[in-house]
Amino acid sequence: MPPTPLSAAFPSEASRTLAAGLAEWIWFGRTQASACLFGALLLSGILATQFWPSPFGLTRGDFLFLYSISLQAALLALRLEHRREALVITAFHLLATLMEWFKTSPAIGSWRYPEEGVFFQIFGVPLFAGFLYSAVGSYIARASRLFDFRFTGYPPQGWTVTLAALAYGNFFTHHFGPDLRWLLIGASFWMFGRCWIEFRTGVRTRRMPLLLGLALVTLFIWIAENVGTYAQAWIYPSQEHGWRLVGLGKLSAWYLLMLLSFVLVSLMERRGDAQKSETLTEN
């Protein structure tokens, strides 16, 4: 007995739905890989130099600095990264390097670099270290553009800047006074709790709570940090006598640093949008 038109439609509809879903996931995966490009290549370089400790006769730290600079230049030359994104990365690099000097000083000793640079280091900190943080800024800036981020319920800009400044300051002050990280994390939950992020996945637009997105990025940063310490690019005091998993407590620190990067990117995006509006008005 031949199938009725109605029954015949179900397999076809299911196939189209499956194909559309698969195409969406492929587009999402490829775009995520593109957004992570700088961080993934930097992490690959760190892993490679674990087995090739003195590439081209350079110390590991000096090679990784030159490698990072070359990556940045190549992304700009190939137009895989925009100048505005490079500005965010540079700003985050400077803030991170300042924190590195403080955190690795003999008086603090939060972590150390077993193989320092010779030419490209300041106060004992290899300059490639700032790129480890810049990779976070690069991902957020590129993801914002590639996925066409839009926000609903976003808090006032002044609040976010104040929160980011306090979070950055706490990385220094908690060594001499109370640690406010959990208070700041709680404030971020209150501030962004009603914020949703809309993002494009090919031809469709989806949405999720912003806090969920921030948590997922924090988790992947922690995973990357474990890879970096396994390769002994830097180590914590607990890893002096052998590698061990970085404690989950570091998730709170990475969340605050990632929040700082997110606010920097949002400021740059709003500045860029304002400039576009002015240009359109003048024309």
Protein backbone atom coordinates (compact mmCIF):
# COMPACT_ATOMS: atom_id res chain seq x y z
CA MET A 1 0.00 0.00 0.00
CA PRO A 2 1.60 3.32 -1.03
CA PRO A 3 2.20 5.82 1.77
CA THR A 4 -0.15 8.74 2.12
CA PRO A 5 1.23 12.21 1.42
CA LEU A 6 0.96 13.10 5.12
CA SER A 7 2.97 10.11 6.32
CA ALA A 8 5.54 10.63 3.60
CA ALA A 9 6.12 14.20 4.77
CA PHE A 10 7.41 13.25 8.22
CA PRO A 11 10.71 11.61 7.15
CA SER A 12 11.41 14.49 4.78
CA GLU A 13 10.69 17.07 7.48
CA ALA A 14 12.83 15.18 10.00
CA SER A 15 15.70 15.01 7.50
CA ARG A 16 15.51 18.73 6.83
CA THR A 17 15.47 19.50 10.55
CA LEU A 18 18.44 17.22 11.18
CA ALA A 19 20.39 18.73 8.26
CA ALA A 20 19.65 22.27 9.43
CA GLY A 21 20.72 21.43 12.98
CA LEU A 22 23.93 19.79 11.76
CA ALA A 23 24.74 22.77 9.53
CA GLU A 24 24.16 25.12 12.45
CA TRP A 25 26.52 23.14 14.70
CA ILE A 26 29.20 23.04 12.01
CA TRP A 27 28.93 26.80 11.52
CA PHE A 28 29.07 27.34 15.28
CA GLY A 29 32.11 25.09 15.69
CA ARG A 30 34.03 26.70 12.84
CA THR A 31 33.26 30.18 14.12
CA GLN A 32 34.28 29.28 17.66
CA ALA A 33 37.55 27.90 16.33
CA SER A 34 38.14 31.15 14.47
CA ALA A 35 37.40 33.20 17.59
CA CYS A 36 39.86 31.05 19.59
CA LEU A 37 42.55 31.21 16.91
CA PHE A 38 45.06 33.42 18.73
CA GLY A 39 44.71 31.55 22.04
CA ALA A 40 44.85 28.12 20.38
CA LEU A 41 48.00 28.96 18.42
CA LEU A 42 49.65 30.47 21.49
CA LEU A 43 48.86 27.38 23.55
CA SER A 44 50.20 25.20 20.74
CA GLY A 45 53.46 27.17 20.83
CA ILE A 46 53.72 26.69 24.59
CA LEU A 47 53.23 22.92 24.22
CA ALA A 48 55.71 22.69 21.34
CA THR A 49 58.44 24.50 23.28
CA GLN A 50 58.10 22.02 26.12
CA PHE A 51 59.72 19.46 23.80
CA TRP A 52 61.88 22.03 21.96
CA PRO A 53 63.18 24.10 24.88
CA SER A 54 65.60 26.36 22.95
CA PRO A 55 64.12 26.98 19.49
CA PHE A 56 66.55 28.74 17.13
CA GLY A 57 68.99 29.16 20.02
CA LEU A 58 66.59 31.45 21.90
CA THR A 59 65.36 30.99 25.43
CA ARG A 60 61.82 29.73 25.66
CA GLY A 61 60.53 33.05 26.97
CA ASP A 62 62.16 35.10 24.20
CA PHE A 63 60.92 32.74 21.49
CA LEU A 64 57.35 32.78 22.82
CA PHE A 65 57.38 36.58 22.89
CA LEU A 66 58.55 36.81 19.26
CA TYR A 67 56.10 34.05 18.33
CA SER A 68 53.21 35.93 19.97
CA ILE A 69 54.13 39.18 18.24
CA SER A 70 54.29 37.35 14.91
CA LEU A 71 50.87 35.80 15.50
CA GLN A 72 49.37 39.19 16.25
CA ALA A 73 50.93 40.75 13.15
CA ALA A 74 49.79 37.87 10.95
CA LEU A 75 46.19 38.08 12.18
CA LEU A 76 46.11 41.80 11.42
CA ALA A 77 47.80 41.40 8.01
CA LEU A 78 45.36 38.64 7.01
CA ARG A 79 42.45 40.74 8.33
CA LEU A 80 41.43 37.96 10.69
CA GLU A 81 41.62 40.50 13.48
CA HIS A 82 40.55 44.14 13.37
CA ARG A 83 42.57 47.07 14.66
CA ARG A 84 39.93 47.79 17.28
CA GLU A 85 40.34 44.26 18.61
CA ALA A 86 44.11 44.74 18.67
CA LEU A 87 43.62 47.85 20.82
CA VAL A 88 41.65 45.83 23.36
CA ILE A 89 44.36 43.17 23.39
CA THR A 90 47.09 45.79 23.88
CA ALA A 91 45.24 47.43 26.77
CA PHE A 92 44.66 44.08 28.45
CA HIS A 93 48.29 43.12 27.83
CA LEU A 94 49.52 46.22 29.67
CA LEU A 95 47.17 45.71 32.62
CA ALA A 96 48.14 42.03 32.83
CA THR A 97 51.88 42.71 32.67
CA LEU A 98 51.59 45.16 35.55
CA MET A 99 49.80 42.51 37.58
CA GLU A 100 52.43 39.93 36.60
CA TRP A 101 55.24 42.10 37.98
CA PHE A 102 53.40 42.33 41.27
CA LYS A 103 52.30 38.71 41.53
CA THR A 104 55.69 37.21 40.69
CA SER A 105 57.71 39.58 42.89
CA PRO A 106 59.70 37.85 45.69
CA ALA A 107 57.43 39.38 48.33
CA ILE A 108 54.28 37.84 46.79
CA GLY A 109 55.39 34.77 44.80
CA SER A 110 51.95 33.72 43.58
CA TRP A 111 53.60 31.85 40.69
CA ARG A 112 56.86 31.87 38.77
CA TYR A 113 58.32 31.25 35.31
CA PRO A 114 60.88 28.42 35.35
CA GLU A 115 62.41 29.55 32.05
CA GLU A 116 62.59 33.33 31.95
CA GLY A 117 63.47 35.35 28.90
CA VAL A 118 66.82 37.06 28.43
CA PHE A 119 66.13 39.94 26.07
CA PHE A 120 62.36 40.26 26.37
CA GLN A 121 61.71 40.45 30.07
CA ILE A 122 61.19 43.21 32.62
CA PHE A 123 61.71 42.75 36.36
CA GLY A 124 62.07 39.02 35.84
CA VAL A 125 58.75 38.65 33.99
CA PRO A 126 58.99 37.34 30.39
CA LEU A 127 57.00 39.67 28.15
CA PHE A 128 55.14 36.81 26.50
CA ALA A 129 53.22 36.45 29.78
CA GLY A 130 50.96 39.37 28.91
CA PHE A 131 49.81 37.55 25.79
CA LEU A 132 48.41 34.76 27.95
CA TYR A 133 45.82 37.27 29.17
CA SER A 134 45.54 38.98 25.79
CA ALA A 135 44.33 35.67 24.37
CA VAL A 136 41.23 36.07 26.55
CA GLY A 137 40.64 39.58 25.25
CA SER A 138 41.24 38.39 21.69
CA TYR A 139 38.64 35.63 22.03
CA ILE A 140 35.96 37.90 23.51
CA ALA A 141 36.55 40.65 20.94
CA ARG A 142 36.52 38.25 17.99
CA ALA A 143 33.54 36.29 19.29
CA SER A 144 31.61 39.52 19.77
CA ARG A 145 32.12 40.41 16.10
CA LEU A 146 31.80 36.95 14.56
CA PHE A 147 28.66 35.99 16.48
CA ASP A 148 27.21 39.51 16.29
CA PHE A 149 26.54 39.82 20.03
CA ARG A 150 23.50 41.78 21.17
CA PHE A 151 22.43 42.27 24.79
CA THR A 152 19.17 42.79 26.59
CA GLY A 153 19.05 43.98 30.19
CA TYR A 154 22.68 45.15 30.09
CA PRO A 155 23.54 47.20 33.20
CA PRO A 156 24.65 50.86 33.00
CA GLN A 157 28.15 51.31 31.67
CA GLY A 158 29.32 53.19 34.77
CA TRP A 159 28.42 50.21 36.97
CA THR A 160 30.33 47.74 34.83
CA VAL A 161 33.44 49.94 34.68
CA THR A 162 33.39 50.41 38.46
CA LEU A 163 33.02 46.68 39.02
CA ALA A 164 35.88 45.89 36.62
CA ALA A 165 38.16 48.48 38.28
CA LEU A 166 37.42 47.09 41.75
CA ALA A 167 38.03 43.53 40.55
CA TYR A 168 41.39 44.50 39.07
CA GLY A 169 42.39 46.40 42.21
CA ASN A 170 41.48 43.43 44.40
CA PHE A 171 44.17 41.32 42.73
CA PHE A 172 46.68 43.65 44.40
CA THR A 173 45.00 44.72 47.63
CA HIS A 174 43.88 41.30 48.89
CA HIS A 175 47.51 40.51 49.78
CA PHE A 176 47.43 43.29 52.37
CA GLY A 177 43.76 43.51 53.31
CA PRO A 178 40.45 41.68 52.99
CA ASP A 179 39.83 39.63 49.86
CA LEU A 180 36.69 41.02 48.23
CA ARG A 181 36.50 38.58 45.32
CA TRP A 182 33.34 36.83 46.49
CA LEU A 183 31.66 40.14 47.21
CA LEU A 184 32.61 41.31 43.71
CA ILE A 185 31.42 38.06 42.14
CA GLY A 186 28.14 38.41 44.00
CA ALA A 187 27.83 42.00 42.74
CA SER A 188 28.41 40.78 39.18
CA PHE A 189 25.64 38.18 39.61
CA TRP A 190 23.27 40.89 40.79
CA MET A 191 24.37 43.28 38.03
CA PHE A 192 24.24 40.83 35.10
CA GLY A 193 21.60 38.46 36.47
CA ARG A 194 18.89 39.76 34.14
CA CYS A 195 21.14 40.25 31.13
CA TRP A 196 20.74 37.97 28.12
CA ILE A 197 23.10 37.68 25.19
CA GLU A 198 21.80 37.12 21.67
CA PHE A 199 24.18 35.62 19.13
CA ARG A 200 23.99 34.49 15.53
CA THR A 201 24.60 30.86 14.59
CA GLY A 202 24.58 31.02 10.83
CA VAL A 203 21.07 31.88 9.72
CA ARG A 204 19.53 31.65 13.20
CA THR A 205 19.72 33.86 16.27
CA ARG A 206 19.84 32.24 19.69
CA ARG A 207 20.06 33.58 23.21
CA MET A 208 21.37 32.56 26.62
CA PRO A 209 21.88 34.16 30.04
CA LEU A 210 25.07 36.23 29.97
CA LEU A 211 26.22 34.75 33.28
CA LEU A 212 26.09 31.27 31.77
CA GLY A 213 28.27 32.43 28.89
CA LEU A 214 30.77 34.02 31.28
CA ALA A 215 30.90 30.84 33.36
CA LEU A 216 31.59 28.68 30.30
CA VAL A 217 34.43 30.93 29.15
CA THR A 218 35.91 30.87 32.66
CA LEU A 219 35.86 27.07 32.66
CA PHE A 220 37.69 26.85 29.34
CA ILE A 221 40.31 29.35 30.54
CA TRP A 222 40.92 27.15 33.58
CA ILE A 223 41.36 24.13 31.31
CA ALA A 224 43.86 26.07 29.16
CA GLU A 225 45.72 27.11 32.32
CA ASN A 226 46.13 23.47 33.29
CA VAL A 227 47.63 22.79 29.86
CA GLY A 228 50.02 25.74 30.28
CA THR A 229 51.21 24.66 33.71
CA TYR A 230 51.55 21.06 32.51
CA ALA A 231 53.91 22.39 29.84
CA GLN A 232 55.70 24.32 32.63
CA ALA A 233 55.37 27.69 30.94
CA TRP A 234 54.63 28.88 34.48
CA ILE A 235 54.05 27.00 37.73
CA TYR A 236 52.37 27.58 41.07
CA PRO A 237 54.00 26.83 44.43
CA SER A 238 51.93 23.65 44.72
CA GLN A 239 53.50 22.40 41.45
CA GLU A 240 57.14 22.87 42.44
CA HIS A 241 57.67 19.13 43.02
CA GLY A 242 55.56 17.85 40.16
CA TRP A 243 52.55 18.86 38.13
CA ARG A 244 49.13 18.69 39.70
CA LEU A 245 45.76 20.03 38.65
CA VAL A 246 45.30 23.74 39.27
CA GLY A 247 42.87 24.17 42.16
CA LEU A 248 39.25 24.98 41.39
CA GLY A 249 39.66 28.09 43.53
CA LYS A 250 41.42 29.70 40.55
CA LEU A 251 38.09 29.75 38.73
CA SER A 252 37.07 32.76 40.83
CA ALA A 253 40.21 34.66 39.83
CA TRP A 254 39.78 33.85 36.15
CA TYR A 255 36.13 34.85 36.30
CA LEU A 256 37.09 38.33 37.55
CA LEU A 257 39.88 38.70 35.00
CA MET A 258 37.60 37.55 32.22
CA LEU A 259 34.98 40.04 33.45
CA LEU A 260 37.58 42.80 33.19
CA SER A 261 38.32 41.76 29.61
CA PHE A 262 34.62 41.61 28.77
CA VAL A 263 34.06 45.16 30.06
CA LEU A 264 37.06 46.46 28.06
CA VAL A 265 35.67 44.86 24.91
CA SER A 266 32.18 46.28 25.54
CA LEU A 267 33.64 49.78 25.98
CA MET A 268 35.54 49.48 22.71
CA GLU A 269 32.47 48.12 20.91
CA ARG A 270 30.29 50.99 22.13
CA ARG A 271 32.95 53.50 21.14
CA GLY A 272 33.09 51.96 17.68
CA ASP A 273 29.29 52.02 17.35
CA ALA A 274 29.24 55.69 18.40
CA GLN A 275 31.85 56.55 15.76
CA LYS A 276 29.79 54.75 13.10
CA SER A 277 26.69 56.71 14.13
CA GLU A 278 28.57 60.01 13.91
CA THR A 279 29.87 59.11 10.46
CA LEU A 280 26.40 58.21 9.22
CA THR A 281 24.98 61.47 10.63
CA GLU A 282 27.66 63.56 8.93
CA ASN A 283 27.01 61.86 5.61
